[in-house]
Structures are given as structure tokens and as C-alpha cells.
Amino acid sequence: MKCLALALLLCTQLHLLHGACFARVIKSGETHCQDQVDHTWHAIGSSWRNSECQDCSCGGCCDGFARPSNIPDDCTMELDKKECEYKVFKKNDPTQSCPVHGWVGG
């Protein structure tokens, strides 16, 4: 019963997850690793940015952008994967930008 209660509690917190970083274990003797998003191969010790705007090394990846955390209700946000930054704009007029009152990550 305690496990079920814990599982339900964790499920209620999913909205707080932003996937900022994750780590991978480099196995002894490996000379290259594969990016889990783009499936490209990279030499141990190298770093790169993948198509999901994550800054990576063979030891793991972190988001390479900051996420708006406090925007007005009449605004929305969209990740520009070419620039690796969030654009925040009016819901009814995408040409009009909105103020951001807080950022997370980056």
C-alpha cells in the first residue's frame, strides 16, 4: 500500500520535471559514444549540441537553453530549435512578444 501511495504522489509531481540533465555511464575501453537523440557517434572527451538543443558529452546531456517559468496568462512559449531559445509571444498575435518574469535552467 505504501508503494502505491508513493507512486501516486510521484505521478502528481510530473509537471515539475523539466529534464534539465541526465548522465550516462562510460564503459571501460569505450572510444566513442552515441547521441541518444540524433544517433550520431562522438569520441570520448568530445562535446556537442544535438537537434533537441541539449549540450552533450559522452557522460550525459543537459538542456542548452533556459525555460520561461513565469509568463502572463495571455502569452504562450515555443522552443526555437534553430536558436535553442524559447520565444514568448501573445496567444492571439505571435508577432507581439511578451515579458518573462522568471527563467529556469540554461
N, C-alpha and C. Protein backbone atom coordinates (compact mmCIF):
# COMPACT_ATOMS: atom_id res chain seq x y z
N MET A 1 0.82 -1.19 0.00
CA MET A 1 0.00 0.00 0.00
C MET A 1 0.87 1.26 0.00
N LYS A 2 2.00 1.20 0.75
CA LYS A 2 2.90 2.35 0.79
C LYS A 2 3.50 2.64 -0.59
N CYS A 3 3.80 1.58 -1.34
CA CYS A 3 4.35 1.75 -2.69
C CYS A 3 3.34 2.42 -3.62
N LEU A 4 2.08 2.03 -3.50
CA LEU A 4 1.04 2.63 -4.32
C LEU A 4 0.89 4.11 -3.99
N ALA A 5 0.90 4.44 -2.70
CA ALA A 5 0.79 5.83 -2.29
C ALA A 5 1.97 6.64 -2.81
N LEU A 6 3.17 6.08 -2.73
CA LEU A 6 4.36 6.77 -3.24
C LEU A 6 4.27 6.97 -4.75
N ALA A 7 3.83 5.94 -5.47
CA ALA A 7 3.68 6.05 -6.92
C ALA A 7 2.69 7.15 -7.30
N LEU A 8 1.57 7.20 -6.59
CA LEU A 8 0.57 8.24 -6.86
C LEU A 8 1.12 9.63 -6.56
N LEU A 9 1.87 9.75 -5.48
CA LEU A 9 2.49 11.03 -5.13
C LEU A 9 3.47 11.48 -6.21
N LEU A 10 4.30 10.56 -6.68
CA LEU A 10 5.26 10.91 -7.74
C LEU A 10 4.56 11.30 -9.03
N CYS A 11 3.47 10.63 -9.36
CA CYS A 11 2.72 10.97 -10.58
C CYS A 11 2.14 12.38 -10.51
N THR A 12 1.79 12.84 -9.32
CA THR A 12 1.25 14.19 -9.20
C THR A 12 2.32 15.25 -9.38
N GLN A 13 3.59 14.84 -9.35
CA GLN A 13 4.69 15.80 -9.47
C GLN A 13 5.31 15.82 -10.86
N LEU A 14 4.74 15.12 -11.82
CA LEU A 14 5.32 15.06 -13.16
C LEU A 14 5.45 16.43 -13.81
N HIS A 15 4.54 17.34 -13.50
CA HIS A 15 4.60 18.67 -14.11
C HIS A 15 5.85 19.45 -13.68
N LEU A 16 6.51 19.01 -12.61
CA LEU A 16 7.71 19.70 -12.13
C LEU A 16 8.97 19.23 -12.85
N LEU A 17 8.89 18.12 -13.57
CA LEU A 17 10.07 17.59 -14.25
C LEU A 17 10.35 18.39 -15.52
N HIS A 18 11.57 18.81 -15.66
CA HIS A 18 11.94 19.55 -16.86
C HIS A 18 13.10 18.90 -17.60
N GLY A 19 13.60 17.77 -17.11
CA GLY A 19 14.64 17.04 -17.82
C GLY A 19 15.90 17.83 -18.06
N ALA A 20 16.32 18.66 -17.12
CA ALA A 20 17.45 19.55 -17.30
C ALA A 20 18.73 18.80 -17.66
N CYS A 21 19.07 17.72 -16.96
CA CYS A 21 20.29 16.97 -17.23
C CYS A 21 20.07 15.48 -17.01
N PHE A 22 20.86 14.70 -17.69
CA PHE A 22 20.91 13.27 -17.40
C PHE A 22 22.32 12.78 -17.65
N ALA A 23 22.70 11.74 -16.96
CA ALA A 23 24.05 11.20 -17.05
C ALA A 23 24.03 9.81 -17.67
N ARG A 24 25.16 9.44 -18.27
CA ARG A 24 25.37 8.11 -18.82
C ARG A 24 26.68 7.56 -18.26
N VAL A 25 26.76 6.27 -18.15
CA VAL A 25 27.98 5.63 -17.69
C VAL A 25 28.83 5.30 -18.91
N ILE A 26 30.08 5.71 -18.86
CA ILE A 26 31.03 5.37 -19.92
C ILE A 26 31.71 4.07 -19.51
N LYS A 27 31.59 3.07 -20.34
CA LYS A 27 32.17 1.77 -20.03
C LYS A 27 33.66 1.77 -20.31
N SER A 28 34.38 1.03 -19.51
CA SER A 28 35.83 0.92 -19.67
C SER A 28 36.17 0.42 -21.07
N GLY A 29 37.10 1.09 -21.72
CA GLY A 29 37.54 0.69 -23.05
C GLY A 29 36.79 1.34 -24.19
N GLU A 30 35.69 2.02 -23.91
CA GLU A 30 34.94 2.69 -24.99
C GLU A 30 35.76 3.84 -25.56
N THR A 31 35.71 3.99 -26.86
CA THR A 31 36.39 5.11 -27.50
C THR A 31 35.39 6.10 -28.08
N HIS A 32 34.14 5.67 -28.26
CA HIS A 32 33.09 6.51 -28.82
C HIS A 32 31.76 6.24 -28.10
N CYS A 33 30.85 7.19 -28.21
CA CYS A 33 29.50 7.02 -27.66
C CYS A 33 28.50 7.55 -28.68
N GLN A 34 27.26 7.14 -28.53
CA GLN A 34 26.21 7.55 -29.48
C GLN A 34 25.23 8.50 -28.80
N ASP A 35 24.95 9.61 -29.48
CA ASP A 35 23.92 10.54 -29.02
C ASP A 35 22.57 9.84 -29.10
N GLN A 36 21.83 9.85 -28.00
CA GLN A 36 20.56 9.12 -27.95
C GLN A 36 19.45 9.80 -28.74
N VAL A 37 19.61 11.06 -29.10
CA VAL A 37 18.60 11.78 -29.87
C VAL A 37 18.88 11.66 -31.37
N ASP A 38 20.08 12.06 -31.77
CA ASP A 38 20.43 12.11 -33.20
C ASP A 38 21.08 10.83 -33.71
N HIS A 39 21.47 9.95 -32.80
CA HIS A 39 22.13 8.69 -33.14
C HIS A 39 23.46 8.91 -33.87
N THR A 40 24.12 10.03 -33.59
CA THR A 40 25.44 10.30 -34.14
C THR A 40 26.49 9.78 -33.16
N TRP A 41 27.66 9.44 -33.68
CA TRP A 41 28.75 8.91 -32.86
C TRP A 41 29.76 10.01 -32.56
N HIS A 42 30.31 9.99 -31.34
CA HIS A 42 31.25 11.02 -30.89
C HIS A 42 32.38 10.38 -30.09
N ALA A 43 33.56 10.94 -30.22
CA ALA A 43 34.73 10.44 -29.49
C ALA A 43 34.60 10.77 -28.00
N ILE A 44 35.05 9.83 -27.16
CA ILE A 44 35.10 10.10 -25.72
C ILE A 44 35.92 11.36 -25.49
N GLY A 45 35.41 12.27 -24.66
CA GLY A 45 36.10 13.54 -24.38
C GLY A 45 35.58 14.70 -25.22
N SER A 46 34.79 14.42 -26.25
CA SER A 46 34.26 15.50 -27.09
C SER A 46 32.94 16.01 -26.51
N SER A 47 32.49 17.14 -27.02
CA SER A 47 31.19 17.69 -26.63
C SER A 47 30.50 18.21 -27.87
N TRP A 48 29.16 18.26 -27.83
CA TRP A 48 28.37 18.67 -28.98
C TRP A 48 26.99 19.14 -28.52
N ARG A 49 26.26 19.79 -29.41
CA ARG A 49 24.87 20.17 -29.19
C ARG A 49 24.03 19.39 -30.18
N ASN A 50 23.01 18.67 -29.69
CA ASN A 50 22.18 17.87 -30.58
C ASN A 50 20.96 18.66 -31.08
N SER A 51 20.13 18.01 -31.88
CA SER A 51 18.99 18.69 -32.51
C SER A 51 17.88 19.06 -31.53
N GLU A 52 17.94 18.56 -30.30
CA GLU A 52 16.97 18.93 -29.26
C GLU A 52 17.54 20.01 -28.34
N CYS A 53 18.61 20.67 -28.79
CA CYS A 53 19.24 21.77 -28.05
C CYS A 53 19.82 21.32 -26.71
N GLN A 54 20.32 20.09 -26.67
CA GLN A 54 20.99 19.59 -25.48
C GLN A 54 22.49 19.68 -25.69
N ASP A 55 23.20 20.19 -24.68
CA ASP A 55 24.66 20.21 -24.70
C ASP A 55 25.13 18.89 -24.10
N CYS A 56 25.89 18.13 -24.89
CA CYS A 56 26.21 16.76 -24.52
C CYS A 56 27.69 16.47 -24.50
N SER A 57 28.03 15.43 -23.78
CA SER A 57 29.32 14.77 -23.82
C SER A 57 28.99 13.29 -23.66
N CYS A 58 29.99 12.44 -23.73
CA CYS A 58 29.71 11.02 -23.56
C CYS A 58 29.22 10.70 -22.15
N GLY A 59 29.43 11.61 -21.21
CA GLY A 59 28.96 11.40 -19.84
C GLY A 59 27.52 11.82 -19.61
N GLY A 60 26.88 12.45 -20.61
CA GLY A 60 25.48 12.84 -20.47
C GLY A 60 25.17 14.13 -21.19
N CYS A 61 23.94 14.60 -21.02
CA CYS A 61 23.48 15.81 -21.69
C CYS A 61 22.71 16.70 -20.71
N CYS A 62 22.73 18.00 -20.99
CA CYS A 62 21.93 18.98 -20.25
C CYS A 62 21.24 19.89 -21.25
N ASP A 63 20.06 20.38 -20.89
CA ASP A 63 19.39 21.35 -21.76
C ASP A 63 20.32 22.53 -21.98
N GLY A 64 20.41 22.97 -23.22
CA GLY A 64 21.26 24.10 -23.59
C GLY A 64 20.47 25.39 -23.70
N PHE A 65 19.41 25.52 -22.93
CA PHE A 65 18.55 26.70 -23.00
C PHE A 65 17.88 26.92 -21.67
N ALA A 66 17.44 28.14 -21.44
CA ALA A 66 16.65 28.45 -20.25
C ALA A 66 15.17 28.38 -20.62
N ARG A 67 14.35 27.98 -19.67
CA ARG A 67 12.91 27.82 -19.89
C ARG A 67 12.17 28.92 -19.12
N PRO A 68 11.27 29.65 -19.79
CA PRO A 68 10.47 30.66 -19.07
C PRO A 68 9.65 29.99 -17.97
N SER A 69 9.65 30.59 -16.78
CA SER A 69 8.91 29.98 -15.68
C SER A 69 7.74 30.83 -15.21
N ASN A 70 7.66 32.05 -15.67
CA ASN A 70 6.57 32.92 -15.23
C ASN A 70 6.23 33.88 -16.36
N ILE A 71 5.17 33.56 -17.11
CA ILE A 71 4.74 34.42 -18.21
C ILE A 71 3.28 34.78 -18.00
N PRO A 72 2.83 35.89 -18.59
CA PRO A 72 1.41 36.29 -18.46
C PRO A 72 0.47 35.24 -19.04
N ASP A 73 -0.74 35.18 -18.53
CA ASP A 73 -1.73 34.18 -18.95
C ASP A 73 -2.12 34.29 -20.42
N ASP A 74 -2.02 35.48 -20.99
CA ASP A 74 -2.41 35.65 -22.39
C ASP A 74 -1.25 35.39 -23.36
N CYS A 75 -0.18 34.79 -22.83
CA CYS A 75 1.00 34.50 -23.65
C CYS A 75 1.27 33.01 -23.70
N THR A 76 2.06 32.60 -24.67
CA THR A 76 2.49 31.22 -24.80
C THR A 76 3.97 31.20 -25.14
N MET A 77 4.59 30.03 -25.05
CA MET A 77 6.01 29.92 -25.35
C MET A 77 6.25 28.76 -26.28
N GLU A 78 7.32 28.88 -27.07
CA GLU A 78 7.67 27.85 -28.04
C GLU A 78 9.19 27.80 -28.15
N LEU A 79 9.76 26.60 -28.10
CA LEU A 79 11.20 26.45 -28.23
C LEU A 79 11.59 26.57 -29.70
N ASP A 80 12.45 27.54 -29.99
CA ASP A 80 13.01 27.71 -31.33
C ASP A 80 14.25 26.82 -31.38
N LYS A 81 14.15 25.67 -32.04
CA LYS A 81 15.26 24.71 -32.05
C LYS A 81 16.42 25.16 -32.92
N LYS A 82 16.20 26.13 -33.79
CA LYS A 82 17.31 26.67 -34.58
C LYS A 82 18.19 27.57 -33.71
N GLU A 83 17.56 28.38 -32.87
CA GLU A 83 18.28 29.31 -31.99
C GLU A 83 18.52 28.72 -30.60
N CYS A 84 17.85 27.61 -30.29
CA CYS A 84 17.92 26.97 -28.96
C CYS A 84 17.54 27.95 -27.85
N GLU A 85 16.43 28.64 -28.08
CA GLU A 85 15.89 29.54 -27.06
C GLU A 85 14.37 29.59 -27.18
N TYR A 86 13.73 29.87 -26.06
CA TYR A 86 12.28 29.98 -26.07
C TYR A 86 11.85 31.36 -26.57
N LYS A 87 10.85 31.37 -27.41
CA LYS A 87 10.19 32.59 -27.85
C LYS A 87 8.88 32.68 -27.09
N VAL A 88 8.61 33.84 -26.50
CA VAL A 88 7.38 34.03 -25.72
C VAL A 88 6.58 35.13 -26.42
N PHE A 89 5.33 34.81 -26.76
CA PHE A 89 4.52 35.74 -27.54
C PHE A 89 3.05 35.64 -27.16
N LYS A 90 2.28 36.63 -27.58
CA LYS A 90 0.83 36.67 -27.32
C LYS A 90 0.15 35.49 -28.02
N LYS A 91 -0.79 34.85 -27.33
CA LYS A 91 -1.51 33.72 -27.91
C LYS A 91 -2.28 34.12 -29.16
N ASN A 92 -2.84 35.32 -29.17
CA ASN A 92 -3.65 35.76 -30.30
C ASN A 92 -2.87 36.57 -31.33
N ASP A 93 -1.57 36.82 -31.07
CA ASP A 93 -0.74 37.58 -32.02
C ASP A 93 0.73 37.18 -31.87
N PRO A 94 1.17 36.16 -32.62
CA PRO A 94 2.53 35.66 -32.50
C PRO A 94 3.61 36.69 -32.85
N THR A 95 3.24 37.80 -33.43
CA THR A 95 4.24 38.83 -33.76
C THR A 95 4.53 39.73 -32.57
N GLN A 96 3.72 39.65 -31.52
CA GLN A 96 3.89 40.50 -30.34
C GLN A 96 4.52 39.70 -29.20
N SER A 97 5.74 40.09 -28.80
CA SER A 97 6.43 39.37 -27.74
C SER A 97 5.83 39.72 -26.37
N CYS A 98 6.12 38.86 -25.41
CA CYS A 98 5.61 39.03 -24.04
C CYS A 98 6.77 39.13 -23.05
N PRO A 99 6.53 39.77 -21.92
CA PRO A 99 7.57 39.83 -20.89
C PRO A 99 7.68 38.46 -20.19
N VAL A 100 8.88 38.13 -19.76
CA VAL A 100 9.13 36.91 -18.99
C VAL A 100 9.62 37.36 -17.62
N HIS A 101 8.98 36.86 -16.57
CA HIS A 101 9.29 37.29 -15.22
C HIS A 101 10.20 36.34 -14.47
N GLY A 102 10.57 35.23 -15.09
CA GLY A 102 11.47 34.26 -14.46
C GLY A 102 11.93 33.21 -15.46
N TRP A 103 13.13 32.69 -15.24
CA TRP A 103 13.72 31.67 -16.10
C TRP A 103 14.25 30.52 -15.24
N VAL A 104 14.26 29.32 -15.81
CA VAL A 104 14.81 28.14 -15.15
C VAL A 104 15.80 27.48 -16.09
N GLY A 105 16.96 27.10 -15.56
CA GLY A 105 17.96 26.37 -16.35
C GLY A 105 18.82 27.27 -17.19
N GLY A 106 19.46 26.63 -18.16
CA GLY A 106 20.31 27.35 -19.08
C GLY A 106 21.66 27.53 -18.55
